[in-house]
Amino acid sequence: MNALIDILASAGLWAAVLRIATPLILGTLGALLSERSGVLNLGIEGIMTLGAMIGWLAVYNGADLWTGVLIAALGGAVFGFLHSVLTVTLGLSQHVSGLGVTLFASSFAYYVFRLMVPVAGTPPTIEPFKSIDIPGLSSLPFLGPAFFTQTAPTYVAIVLAVVLAYLISRTPVGLAIRMTGENPHAAEAQGINPMAIRYGAVIAGSALMGVGGAFLTLSAFNSFFPTMVQGRGWICIALVVFASWRPERALFGALLFAFFDAFQLRLQTVLSGVVPYQIFLMIPYLLSIAALAAMARRARVPQALMQPYRRGER
């Protein structure tokens, strides 16, 4: 029991929670924005992999870190545009298109990586984002090292969650996105172009997904390997449901999953040799499934989600 209390009282645990949550926050916000407009984007896993690779590759070839982030966003936006063409313009299955985008983006990322980077026993590295000590806050006991010594993309992700929550609930653009996701024909009757809204939401959401992937190579780590996303995209899809399609709850859900993950990593060191490590690896996913099952009962799905829109049809 004392060991558990020591883990929970460790500033390192809570610092790790924010670090682990960052790509989940960005990916979940991207998926949420797309789904609020009525388009399911299952391409998130591949888009995050692509963002991780091209962001890292840009920096590896001499670009600065923020340029790498921008390039990752642009790469995500390109695949978001592809998904939009298939689902919004052509009205194809959003499930099939999303899975196709994941396979295409992941394979393309690995192909380009092998084409551009010489095969070596040790992957080449870059100089990633450094932690930022916020004056007056980073020196606070416990709170400082836990919450105010993160890298810049982590702070950006939290700010984006707040901005997106305000955008969706308090602005005319957010109202247009919500109307399109609920009833695109009613939105059309109010002079809104549902197809343009869906295109914009999917492309912007995919750009956020790409940035979420870039965080892994430009901040959390300093190199790229093809399996580094490790299912985070699928976790983001589940977190959107957990959050009931609300950005503020998405932020909480990402932090909750990150807490489970960071906690199990430290628990392994305490109970090493007593409990198989595979049990610890299962803990975040089991607890997330339980939380998802509890929240999904009350979740209100956007009524036009996964429904193709045809102008003038009802």
Protein backbone atom coordinates (compact mmCIF):
# COMPACT_ATOMS: atom_id res chain seq x y z
CA MET A 1 0.00 0.00 0.00
CA ASN A 2 2.83 2.38 0.83
CA ALA A 3 4.34 1.70 -2.59
CA LEU A 4 1.06 2.66 -4.29
CA ILE A 5 0.86 5.88 -2.30
CA ASP A 6 4.46 6.69 -3.22
CA ILE A 7 3.62 6.21 -6.90
CA LEU A 8 0.57 8.47 -6.71
CA ALA A 9 2.52 11.10 -4.79
CA SER A 10 5.30 11.14 -7.37
CA ALA A 11 5.54 14.25 -9.54
CA GLY A 12 7.08 12.05 -12.24
CA LEU A 13 3.83 10.09 -12.55
CA TRP A 14 1.75 13.18 -13.26
CA ALA A 15 4.34 14.62 -15.62
CA ALA A 16 4.20 11.33 -17.54
CA VAL A 17 0.39 11.52 -17.62
CA LEU A 18 0.50 14.82 -19.53
CA ARG A 19 3.20 13.53 -21.84
CA ILE A 20 1.35 10.29 -22.65
CA ALA A 21 -1.96 12.14 -23.04
CA THR A 22 -0.73 14.69 -25.58
CA PRO A 23 -0.99 12.59 -28.78
CA LEU A 24 -4.30 11.20 -27.52
CA ILE A 25 -5.66 14.71 -26.96
CA LEU A 26 -4.70 15.83 -30.46
CA GLY A 27 -5.94 12.66 -32.15
CA THR A 28 -9.22 12.65 -30.21
CA LEU A 29 -9.89 16.30 -31.00
CA GLY A 30 -9.29 15.57 -34.68
CA ALA A 31 -11.64 12.58 -34.70
CA LEU A 32 -14.24 14.50 -32.70
CA LEU A 33 -14.22 17.48 -35.07
CA SER A 34 -14.71 15.17 -38.05
CA GLU A 35 -17.51 13.21 -36.41
CA ARG A 36 -19.38 16.29 -35.22
CA SER A 37 -19.77 17.17 -38.90
CA GLY A 38 -21.12 13.68 -39.65
CA VAL A 39 -18.01 11.91 -41.00
CA LEU A 40 -16.36 8.98 -39.24
CA ASN A 41 -12.61 8.95 -39.90
CA LEU A 42 -11.09 5.55 -39.18
CA GLY A 43 -7.95 6.66 -40.99
CA ILE A 44 -6.58 8.14 -37.78
CA GLU A 45 -4.09 5.35 -37.04
CA GLY A 46 -2.47 5.69 -40.45
CA ILE A 47 -2.60 9.50 -40.42
CA MET A 48 -0.84 9.59 -37.05
CA THR A 49 1.83 7.21 -38.38
CA LEU A 50 2.31 9.40 -41.44
CA GLY A 51 2.50 12.55 -39.31
CA ALA A 52 5.08 10.94 -37.06
CA MET A 53 7.22 9.98 -40.04
CA ILE A 54 7.09 13.10 -42.22
CA GLY A 55 7.43 15.47 -39.27
CA TRP A 56 10.53 13.60 -38.11
CA LEU A 57 11.89 13.29 -41.66
CA ALA A 58 11.59 17.04 -42.23
CA VAL A 59 13.55 17.79 -39.06
CA TYR A 60 16.07 15.06 -39.85
CA ASN A 61 16.71 16.80 -43.19
CA GLY A 62 17.33 20.19 -41.62
CA ALA A 63 13.93 21.79 -40.91
CA ASP A 64 13.22 23.27 -37.49
CA LEU A 65 10.85 21.49 -35.11
CA TRP A 66 7.82 23.71 -35.67
CA THR A 67 8.22 23.33 -39.42
CA GLY A 68 8.17 19.58 -38.83
CA VAL A 69 4.90 19.97 -36.94
CA LEU A 70 3.45 22.06 -39.79
CA ILE A 71 4.50 19.48 -42.38
CA ALA A 72 2.90 16.72 -40.31
CA ALA A 73 -0.32 18.77 -40.20
CA LEU A 74 -0.23 19.29 -43.96
CA GLY A 75 0.34 15.57 -44.51
CA GLY A 76 -2.64 14.76 -42.33
CA ALA A 77 -4.73 17.35 -44.17
CA VAL A 78 -3.89 15.73 -47.54
CA PHE A 79 -5.17 12.36 -46.37
CA GLY A 80 -8.16 14.09 -44.80
CA PHE A 81 -8.91 15.58 -48.21
CA LEU A 82 -8.66 12.11 -49.76
CA HIS A 83 -11.07 10.71 -47.18
CA SER A 84 -13.43 13.64 -47.84
CA VAL A 85 -13.45 13.01 -51.58
CA LEU A 86 -14.33 9.37 -51.03
CA THR A 87 -16.97 9.88 -48.35
CA VAL A 88 -18.41 13.37 -48.83
CA THR A 89 -18.27 13.80 -52.60
CA LEU A 90 -18.64 10.17 -53.71
CA GLY A 91 -20.68 9.02 -50.71
CA LEU A 92 -18.71 5.79 -50.22
CA SER A 93 -18.67 3.80 -47.00
CA GLN A 94 -16.93 5.80 -44.28
CA HIS A 95 -15.78 2.59 -42.59
CA VAL A 96 -14.15 1.18 -45.72
CA SER A 97 -12.65 4.50 -46.76
CA GLY A 98 -11.20 5.10 -43.30
CA LEU A 99 -9.63 1.66 -43.12
CA GLY A 100 -8.25 2.18 -46.62
CA VAL A 101 -6.71 5.50 -45.56
CA THR A 102 -5.12 3.84 -42.53
CA LEU A 103 -3.56 1.08 -44.64
CA PHE A 104 -2.45 3.49 -47.37
CA ALA A 105 -1.01 6.14 -45.03
CA SER A 106 0.82 3.60 -42.85
CA SER A 107 2.31 1.79 -45.85
CA PHE A 108 3.22 5.04 -47.56
CA ALA A 109 4.96 6.29 -44.40
CA TYR A 110 7.02 3.12 -44.09
CA TYR A 111 7.89 3.15 -47.81
CA VAL A 112 9.07 6.76 -47.78
CA PHE A 113 11.02 6.19 -44.56
CA ARG A 114 12.90 3.25 -46.06
CA LEU A 115 13.42 5.17 -49.29
CA MET A 116 14.82 8.28 -47.62
CA VAL A 117 16.67 6.87 -44.62
CA PRO A 118 19.51 4.35 -44.95
CA VAL A 119 18.88 1.01 -43.25
CA ALA A 120 20.88 0.90 -40.03
CA GLY A 121 20.95 -1.15 -36.88
CA THR A 122 20.14 1.92 -34.78
CA PRO A 123 17.50 4.34 -36.12
CA PRO A 124 18.87 7.87 -36.72
CA THR A 125 17.81 10.50 -34.23
CA ILE A 126 17.03 14.20 -34.07
CA GLU A 127 17.09 16.83 -31.33
CA PRO A 128 13.47 16.89 -30.04
CA PHE A 129 11.51 19.62 -28.25
CA LYS A 130 12.94 20.51 -24.86
CA SER A 131 10.90 20.89 -21.69
CA ILE A 132 9.86 24.45 -20.92
CA ASP A 133 10.08 25.71 -17.36
CA ILE A 134 7.28 28.22 -16.85
CA PRO A 135 8.63 31.09 -14.71
CA GLY A 136 7.01 31.25 -11.29
CA LEU A 137 5.17 27.95 -11.76
CA SER A 138 7.83 25.35 -12.53
CA SER A 139 9.46 26.01 -9.15
CA LEU A 140 6.31 25.22 -7.15
CA PRO A 141 6.65 22.14 -4.93
CA PHE A 142 5.17 19.04 -6.63
CA LEU A 143 2.96 21.05 -9.03
CA GLY A 144 5.95 22.59 -10.80
CA PRO A 145 7.76 19.42 -11.92
CA ALA A 146 4.46 17.61 -12.42
CA PHE A 147 2.59 20.07 -14.64
CA PHE A 148 4.75 23.04 -15.60
CA THR A 149 7.88 21.49 -17.12
CA GLN A 150 6.35 20.01 -20.27
CA THR A 151 7.32 20.51 -23.90
CA ALA A 152 5.56 23.18 -25.97
CA PRO A 153 3.31 20.76 -27.96
CA THR A 154 1.74 19.54 -24.70
CA TYR A 155 0.68 23.06 -23.74
CA VAL A 156 -0.55 23.63 -27.29
CA ALA A 157 -2.70 20.47 -27.14
CA ILE A 158 -4.39 21.58 -23.92
CA VAL A 159 -5.04 25.07 -25.32
CA LEU A 160 -6.48 23.53 -28.50
CA ALA A 161 -8.91 21.45 -26.44
CA VAL A 162 -10.19 24.62 -24.75
CA VAL A 163 -10.35 26.53 -28.04
CA LEU A 164 -12.21 23.72 -29.83
CA ALA A 165 -14.69 23.42 -26.96
CA TYR A 166 -15.44 27.14 -27.29
CA LEU A 167 -15.52 26.97 -31.09
CA ILE A 168 -18.06 24.15 -31.22
CA SER A 169 -20.37 25.36 -28.48
CA ARG A 170 -20.17 29.15 -28.72
CA THR A 171 -19.49 30.26 -32.31
CA PRO A 172 -21.46 30.34 -35.59
CA VAL A 173 -18.87 28.02 -37.16
CA GLY A 174 -19.41 25.52 -34.36
CA LEU A 175 -23.17 25.76 -34.80
CA ALA A 176 -22.77 25.05 -38.53
CA ILE A 177 -20.63 22.00 -37.76
CA ARG A 178 -23.14 20.70 -35.22
CA MET A 179 -26.10 21.30 -37.54
CA THR A 180 -24.34 19.47 -40.36
CA GLY A 181 -23.67 16.52 -38.09
CA GLU A 182 -27.25 16.41 -36.86
CA ASN A 183 -29.29 17.31 -39.95
CA PRO A 184 -27.40 18.50 -43.04
CA HIS A 185 -30.65 19.22 -44.90
CA ALA A 186 -31.76 21.61 -42.14
CA ALA A 187 -28.32 23.22 -42.31
CA GLU A 188 -28.73 23.61 -46.08
CA ALA A 189 -32.09 25.28 -45.53
CA GLN A 190 -30.33 27.87 -43.37
CA GLY A 191 -27.89 28.71 -46.16
CA ILE A 192 -25.05 26.49 -44.93
CA ASN A 193 -23.13 24.31 -47.38
CA PRO A 194 -22.95 20.92 -45.59
CA MET A 195 -20.41 19.51 -48.03
CA ALA A 196 -18.04 22.42 -47.45
CA ILE A 197 -18.47 22.08 -43.69
CA ARG A 198 -17.71 18.37 -43.82
CA TYR A 199 -14.69 18.90 -46.03
CA GLY A 200 -13.34 21.56 -43.67
CA ALA A 201 -13.97 19.53 -40.52
CA VAL A 202 -12.41 16.34 -41.89
CA ILE A 203 -9.36 18.13 -43.28
CA ALA A 204 -8.79 20.17 -40.10
CA GLY A 205 -9.38 17.10 -37.94
CA SER A 206 -6.91 15.06 -39.98
CA ALA A 207 -4.34 17.84 -39.61
CA LEU A 208 -4.70 17.53 -35.82
CA MET A 209 -4.23 13.78 -36.12
CA GLY A 210 -1.02 14.33 -38.06
CA VAL A 211 0.26 16.68 -35.36
CA GLY A 212 -0.61 14.07 -32.74
CA GLY A 213 1.60 11.60 -34.56
CA ALA A 214 4.39 14.16 -34.92
CA PHE A 215 4.45 14.63 -31.14
CA LEU A 216 5.72 11.07 -30.80
CA THR A 217 8.80 11.64 -32.94
CA LEU A 218 9.47 15.33 -32.23
CA SER A 219 8.80 15.45 -28.49
CA ALA A 220 8.17 12.12 -26.78
CA PHE A 221 10.96 10.34 -28.68
CA ASN A 222 13.64 11.41 -31.15
CA SER A 223 13.40 8.79 -33.90
CA PHE A 224 10.80 7.02 -36.03
CA PHE A 225 9.84 3.38 -36.26
CA PRO A 226 6.78 2.09 -38.15
CA THR A 227 4.88 0.63 -35.16
CA MET A 228 5.35 3.55 -32.80
CA VAL A 229 1.71 4.73 -32.86
CA GLN A 230 0.77 1.37 -31.28
CA GLY A 231 -2.99 1.62 -31.57
CA ARG A 232 -3.33 5.15 -30.21
CA GLY A 233 -5.56 6.01 -33.16
CA TRP A 234 -8.09 3.37 -32.19
CA ILE A 235 -7.98 4.56 -28.58
CA CYS A 236 -8.83 8.05 -29.86
CA ILE A 237 -11.91 6.70 -31.66
CA ALA A 238 -13.07 5.14 -28.38
CA LEU A 239 -12.32 8.33 -26.45
CA VAL A 240 -14.63 10.31 -28.74
CA VAL A 241 -17.52 8.07 -27.67
CA PHE A 242 -16.38 8.25 -24.03
CA ALA A 243 -16.43 12.05 -24.34
CA SER A 244 -19.92 12.08 -25.86
CA TRP A 245 -18.47 14.16 -28.71
CA ARG A 246 -17.53 17.03 -26.36
CA PRO A 247 -13.95 18.42 -26.44
CA GLU A 248 -13.71 19.12 -22.71
CA ARG A 249 -14.64 15.53 -21.93
CA ALA A 250 -12.22 14.35 -24.60
CA LEU A 251 -9.45 16.12 -22.71
CA PHE A 252 -10.49 14.39 -19.50
CA GLY A 253 -10.74 10.99 -21.22
CA ALA A 254 -7.25 11.31 -22.73
CA LEU A 255 -5.81 12.24 -19.34
CA LEU A 256 -7.64 9.34 -17.70
CA PHE A 257 -6.27 6.77 -20.14
CA ALA A 258 -2.80 8.32 -19.83
CA PHE A 259 -3.04 8.01 -16.04
CA PHE A 260 -3.86 4.30 -16.31
CA ASP A 261 -0.94 3.80 -18.69
CA ALA A 262 1.59 5.77 -16.63
CA PHE A 263 0.43 4.08 -13.42
CA GLN A 264 0.80 0.56 -14.79
CA LEU A 265 4.34 1.29 -15.98
CA ARG A 266 5.37 2.24 -12.46
CA LEU A 267 3.39 -0.59 -10.93
CA GLN A 268 5.47 -3.03 -12.97
CA THR A 269 8.61 -1.93 -11.14
CA VAL A 270 6.97 -2.47 -7.75
CA LEU A 271 5.50 -5.90 -8.49
CA SER A 272 8.12 -7.13 -10.94
CA GLY A 273 8.47 -10.90 -10.76
CA VAL A 274 5.25 -11.28 -8.76
CA VAL A 275 2.69 -10.58 -11.49
CA PRO A 276 3.27 -11.22 -15.23
CA TYR A 277 3.98 -7.92 -17.01
CA GLN A 278 1.28 -8.69 -19.59
CA ILE A 279 -1.31 -8.17 -16.86
CA PHE A 280 -0.06 -4.63 -16.33
CA LEU A 281 -0.16 -3.90 -20.06
CA MET A 282 -3.82 -4.92 -20.08
CA ILE A 283 -4.82 -2.61 -17.23
CA PRO A 284 -5.23 0.67 -19.17
CA TYR A 285 -7.30 -1.01 -21.88
CA LEU A 286 -9.50 -2.96 -19.48
CA LEU A 287 -10.23 0.12 -17.40
CA SER A 288 -10.84 2.15 -20.55
CA ILE A 289 -13.32 -0.44 -21.83
CA ALA A 290 -15.14 -0.33 -18.50
CA ALA A 291 -15.27 3.48 -18.57
CA LEU A 292 -16.39 3.46 -22.21
CA ALA A 293 -19.16 0.97 -21.47
CA ALA A 294 -20.40 3.14 -18.61
CA MET A 295 -20.32 6.39 -20.58
CA ALA A 296 -21.54 5.04 -23.92
CA ARG A 297 -25.01 4.39 -22.50
CA ARG A 298 -25.53 8.12 -22.07
CA ALA A 299 -23.66 9.25 -25.17
CA ARG A 300 -25.69 11.12 -27.77
CA VAL A 301 -24.43 10.26 -31.24
CA PRO A 302 -24.64 12.96 -33.95
CA GLN A 303 -27.74 11.94 -35.87
CA ALA A 304 -26.21 12.25 -39.34
CA LEU A 305 -22.95 10.48 -38.46
CA MET A 306 -21.93 8.08 -41.27
CA GLN A 307 -24.89 9.19 -43.42
CA PRO A 308 -23.90 10.39 -46.92
CA TYR A 309 -25.33 13.77 -47.86
CA ARG A 310 -26.84 14.50 -51.25
CA ARG A 311 -27.96 18.04 -51.97
CA GLY A 312 -31.71 18.27 -52.42
CA GLU A 313 -32.34 14.69 -51.22
CA ARG A 314 -34.01 13.74 -47.95
